[in-house]
Amino acid sequence: MAGAGRPRWFRLAGDVGAATVEIAACLPALALLLMVGLGALAVVRDQIGCVAAAREIALAAARGASPPSVEADVVEVSADGDVVRVVVRRHRNLGILPGFDITATAVAAIEPDQ
């Protein structure tokens, strides 16, 4: 029986610290995954905000009321016949990565004068 005369700590010396190294190697990957997940949630939140803003502006324009103020970079309102089309764009920065535009479109029928 090899190693029977050696102390127990001597046999386990090759595995000491292996879990610490594995955790240290995984932590940056977990941090990156967390940041990507939070970034995706922020993009979804901005998309929902753009859709809501486009809908509110389209309804206000269809009624002939003044449009509400929204947080957007570009708001395009166009009337074509009996409908109003609104496009809302917002630019989203991703830190050191290049950003992208989030766009939402809403269409509403122009209400007749009452």
C-alpha atoms as a PDB file:
ATOM      1  CA  MET A   1       0.000   0.000   0.000  1.00  0.00           C
ATOM      2  CA  ALA A   2       1.798   3.054  -1.269  1.00  0.00           C
ATOM      3  CA  GLY A   3       1.768   6.123   0.896  1.00  0.00           C
ATOM      4  CA  ALA A   4       0.479   4.340   3.969  1.00  0.00           C
ATOM      5  CA  GLY A   5       3.251   5.794   6.108  1.00  0.00           C
ATOM      6  CA  ARG A   6       2.696   9.355   4.937  1.00  0.00           C
ATOM      7  CA  PRO A   7       0.494  11.837   6.805  1.00  0.00           C
ATOM      8  CA  ARG A   8      -3.015  12.518   5.431  1.00  0.00           C
ATOM      9  CA  TRP A   9      -2.246  16.151   4.524  1.00  0.00           C
ATOM     10  CA  PHE A  10       0.565  14.997   2.261  1.00  0.00           C
ATOM     11  CA  ARG A  11      -1.777  12.846   0.129  1.00  0.00           C
ATOM     12  CA  LEU A  12      -4.276  15.701  -0.333  1.00  0.00           C
ATOM     13  CA  ALA A  13      -1.725  18.391  -1.109  1.00  0.00           C
ATOM     14  CA  GLY A  14      -2.345  18.143  -4.873  1.00  0.00           C
ATOM     15  CA  ASP A  15      -6.026  19.140  -4.542  1.00  0.00           C
ATOM     16  CA  VAL A  16      -5.646  21.953  -2.048  1.00  0.00           C
ATOM     17  CA  GLY A  17      -6.832  25.257  -3.543  1.00  0.00           C
ATOM     18  CA  ALA A  18      -8.431  23.714  -6.652  1.00  0.00           C
ATOM     19  CA  ALA A  19     -11.902  24.973  -5.725  1.00  0.00           C
ATOM     20  CA  THR A  20     -10.544  28.471  -5.136  1.00  0.00           C
ATOM     21  CA  VAL A  21      -8.946  28.514  -8.582  1.00  0.00           C
ATOM     22  CA  GLU A  22     -12.129  27.257 -10.238  1.00  0.00           C
ATOM     23  CA  ILE A  23     -14.243  29.922  -8.532  1.00  0.00           C
ATOM     24  CA  ALA A  24     -11.720  32.627  -9.410  1.00  0.00           C
ATOM     25  CA  ALA A  25     -11.872  31.524 -13.051  1.00  0.00           C
ATOM     26  CA  CYS A  26     -15.693  31.477 -13.099  1.00  0.00           C
ATOM     27  CA  LEU A  27     -16.360  34.825 -11.395  1.00  0.00           C
ATOM     28  CA  PRO A  28     -15.500  37.009 -14.438  1.00  0.00           C
ATOM     29  CA  ALA A  29     -17.748  34.870 -16.619  1.00  0.00           C
ATOM     30  CA  LEU A  30     -20.586  35.183 -14.113  1.00  0.00           C
ATOM     31  CA  ALA A  31     -20.067  38.958 -13.900  1.00  0.00           C
ATOM     32  CA  LEU A  32     -20.167  39.207 -17.700  1.00  0.00           C
ATOM     33  CA  LEU A  33     -23.335  37.111 -17.820  1.00  0.00           C
ATOM     34  CA  LEU A  34     -24.941  39.356 -15.197  1.00  0.00           C
ATOM     35  CA  MET A  35     -24.044  42.511 -17.137  1.00  0.00           C
ATOM     36  CA  VAL A  36     -25.428  41.088 -20.389  1.00  0.00           C
ATOM     37  CA  GLY A  37     -28.643  40.099 -18.627  1.00  0.00           C
ATOM     38  CA  LEU A  38     -29.088  43.524 -17.063  1.00  0.00           C
ATOM     39  CA  GLY A  39     -28.353  45.172 -20.407  1.00  0.00           C
ATOM     40  CA  ALA A  40     -30.988  43.025 -22.089  1.00  0.00           C
ATOM     41  CA  LEU A  41     -33.535  44.010 -19.440  1.00  0.00           C
ATOM     42  CA  ALA A  42     -32.736  47.694 -20.004  1.00  0.00           C
ATOM     43  CA  VAL A  43     -33.244  47.265 -23.761  1.00  0.00           C
ATOM     44  CA  VAL A  44     -36.604  45.556 -23.212  1.00  0.00           C
ATOM     45  CA  ARG A  45     -37.635  48.371 -20.853  1.00  0.00           C
ATOM     46  CA  ASP A  46     -36.676  50.973 -23.461  1.00  0.00           C
ATOM     47  CA  GLN A  47     -38.584  49.085 -26.175  1.00  0.00           C
ATOM     48  CA  ILE A  48     -41.719  48.990 -24.036  1.00  0.00           C
ATOM     49  CA  GLY A  49     -41.307  52.725 -23.322  1.00  0.00           C
ATOM     50  CA  CYS A  50     -40.963  53.508 -27.039  1.00  0.00           C
ATOM     51  CA  VAL A  51     -44.077  51.486 -27.884  1.00  0.00           C
ATOM     52  CA  ALA A  52     -46.084  53.249 -25.157  1.00  0.00           C
ATOM     53  CA  ALA A  53     -44.829  56.679 -26.267  1.00  0.00           C
ATOM     54  CA  ALA A  54     -45.643  55.994 -29.926  1.00  0.00           C
ATOM     55  CA  ARG A  55     -49.135  54.821 -28.983  1.00  0.00           C
ATOM     56  CA  GLU A  56     -49.835  57.878 -26.794  1.00  0.00           C
ATOM     57  CA  ILE A  57     -48.578  60.323 -29.425  1.00  0.00           C
ATOM     58  CA  ALA A  58     -50.577  58.607 -32.182  1.00  0.00           C
ATOM     59  CA  LEU A  59     -53.780  58.734 -30.127  1.00  0.00           C
ATOM     60  CA  ALA A  60     -53.223  62.399 -29.246  1.00  0.00           C
ATOM     61  CA  ALA A  61     -52.523  63.296 -32.887  1.00  0.00           C
ATOM     62  CA  ALA A  62     -55.606  61.379 -34.052  1.00  0.00           C
ATOM     63  CA  ARG A  63     -57.774  63.334 -31.601  1.00  0.00           C
ATOM     64  CA  GLY A  64     -56.171  66.643 -32.553  1.00  0.00           C
ATOM     65  CA  ALA A  65     -54.754  67.188 -29.070  1.00  0.00           C
ATOM     66  CA  SER A  66     -51.237  68.257 -28.229  1.00  0.00           C
ATOM     67  CA  PRO A  67     -48.883  65.274 -27.978  1.00  0.00           C
ATOM     68  CA  PRO A  68     -47.386  64.399 -24.593  1.00  0.00           C
ATOM     69  CA  SER A  69     -43.688  64.932 -24.018  1.00  0.00           C
ATOM     70  CA  VAL A  70     -41.674  61.752 -24.303  1.00  0.00           C
ATOM     71  CA  GLU A  71     -38.088  60.681 -23.726  1.00  0.00           C
ATOM     72  CA  ALA A  72     -36.968  59.925 -27.273  1.00  0.00           C
ATOM     73  CA  ASP A  73     -34.277  61.042 -29.673  1.00  0.00           C
ATOM     74  CA  VAL A  74     -36.509  61.235 -32.763  1.00  0.00           C
ATOM     75  CA  VAL A  75     -40.297  61.450 -33.027  1.00  0.00           C
ATOM     76  CA  GLU A  76     -41.805  61.441 -36.527  1.00  0.00           C
ATOM     77  CA  VAL A  77     -45.513  62.158 -36.965  1.00  0.00           C
ATOM     78  CA  SER A  78     -47.071  61.838 -40.396  1.00  0.00           C
ATOM     79  CA  ALA A  79     -50.678  61.909 -41.585  1.00  0.00           C
ATOM     80  CA  ASP A  80     -51.669  59.828 -44.590  1.00  0.00           C
ATOM     81  CA  GLY A  81     -55.321  60.102 -45.498  1.00  0.00           C
ATOM     82  CA  ASP A  82     -57.386  59.166 -42.483  1.00  0.00           C
ATOM     83  CA  VAL A  83     -54.587  57.675 -40.364  1.00  0.00           C
ATOM     84  CA  VAL A  84     -51.727  59.081 -38.315  1.00  0.00           C
ATOM     85  CA  ARG A  85     -48.428  57.227 -38.232  1.00  0.00           C
ATOM     86  CA  VAL A  86     -45.910  57.858 -35.422  1.00  0.00           C
ATOM     87  CA  VAL A  87     -42.343  56.540 -35.308  1.00  0.00           C
ATOM     88  CA  VAL A  88     -40.356  56.904 -32.078  1.00  0.00           C
ATOM     89  CA  ARG A  89     -36.604  56.215 -32.058  1.00  0.00           C
ATOM     90  CA  ARG A  90     -34.234  56.124 -29.132  1.00  0.00           C
ATOM     91  CA  HIS A  91     -30.512  55.433 -29.248  1.00  0.00           C
ATOM     92  CA  ARG A  92     -29.201  52.994 -26.652  1.00  0.00           C
ATOM     93  CA  ASN A  93     -25.513  53.059 -25.710  1.00  0.00           C
ATOM     94  CA  LEU A  94     -23.842  49.904 -24.489  1.00  0.00           C
ATOM     95  CA  GLY A  95     -20.835  51.317 -22.675  1.00  0.00           C
ATOM     96  CA  ILE A  96     -17.699  50.647 -24.676  1.00  0.00           C
ATOM     97  CA  LEU A  97     -19.602  48.705 -27.359  1.00  0.00           C
ATOM     98  CA  PRO A  98     -21.355  50.509 -30.215  1.00  0.00           C
ATOM     99  CA  GLY A  99     -24.981  51.322 -29.451  1.00  0.00           C
ATOM    100  CA  PHE A 100     -28.094  50.753 -31.516  1.00  0.00           C
ATOM    101  CA  ASP A 101     -31.468  52.355 -32.170  1.00  0.00           C
ATOM    102  CA  ILE A 102     -34.708  51.151 -30.646  1.00  0.00           C
ATOM    103  CA  THR A 103     -37.700  51.923 -32.851  1.00  0.00           C
ATOM    104  CA  ALA A 104     -41.451  51.691 -32.294  1.00  0.00           C
ATOM    105  CA  THR A 105     -44.270  52.550 -34.688  1.00  0.00           C
ATOM    106  CA  ALA A 106     -47.948  53.225 -33.947  1.00  0.00           C
ATOM    107  CA  VAL A 107     -50.859  53.986 -36.257  1.00  0.00           C
ATOM    108  CA  ALA A 108     -54.189  55.512 -35.259  1.00  0.00           C
ATOM    109  CA  ALA A 109     -57.275  56.482 -37.257  1.00  0.00           C
ATOM    110  CA  ILE A 110     -58.053  60.183 -37.260  1.00  0.00           C
ATOM    111  CA  GLU A 111     -61.238  60.783 -35.329  1.00  0.00           C
ATOM    112  CA  PRO A 112     -63.941  62.804 -37.068  1.00  0.00           C
ATOM    113  CA  ASP A 113     -64.871  66.225 -35.664  1.00  0.00           C
ATOM    114  CA  GLN A 114     -67.617  65.981 -33.112  1.00  0.00           C
END
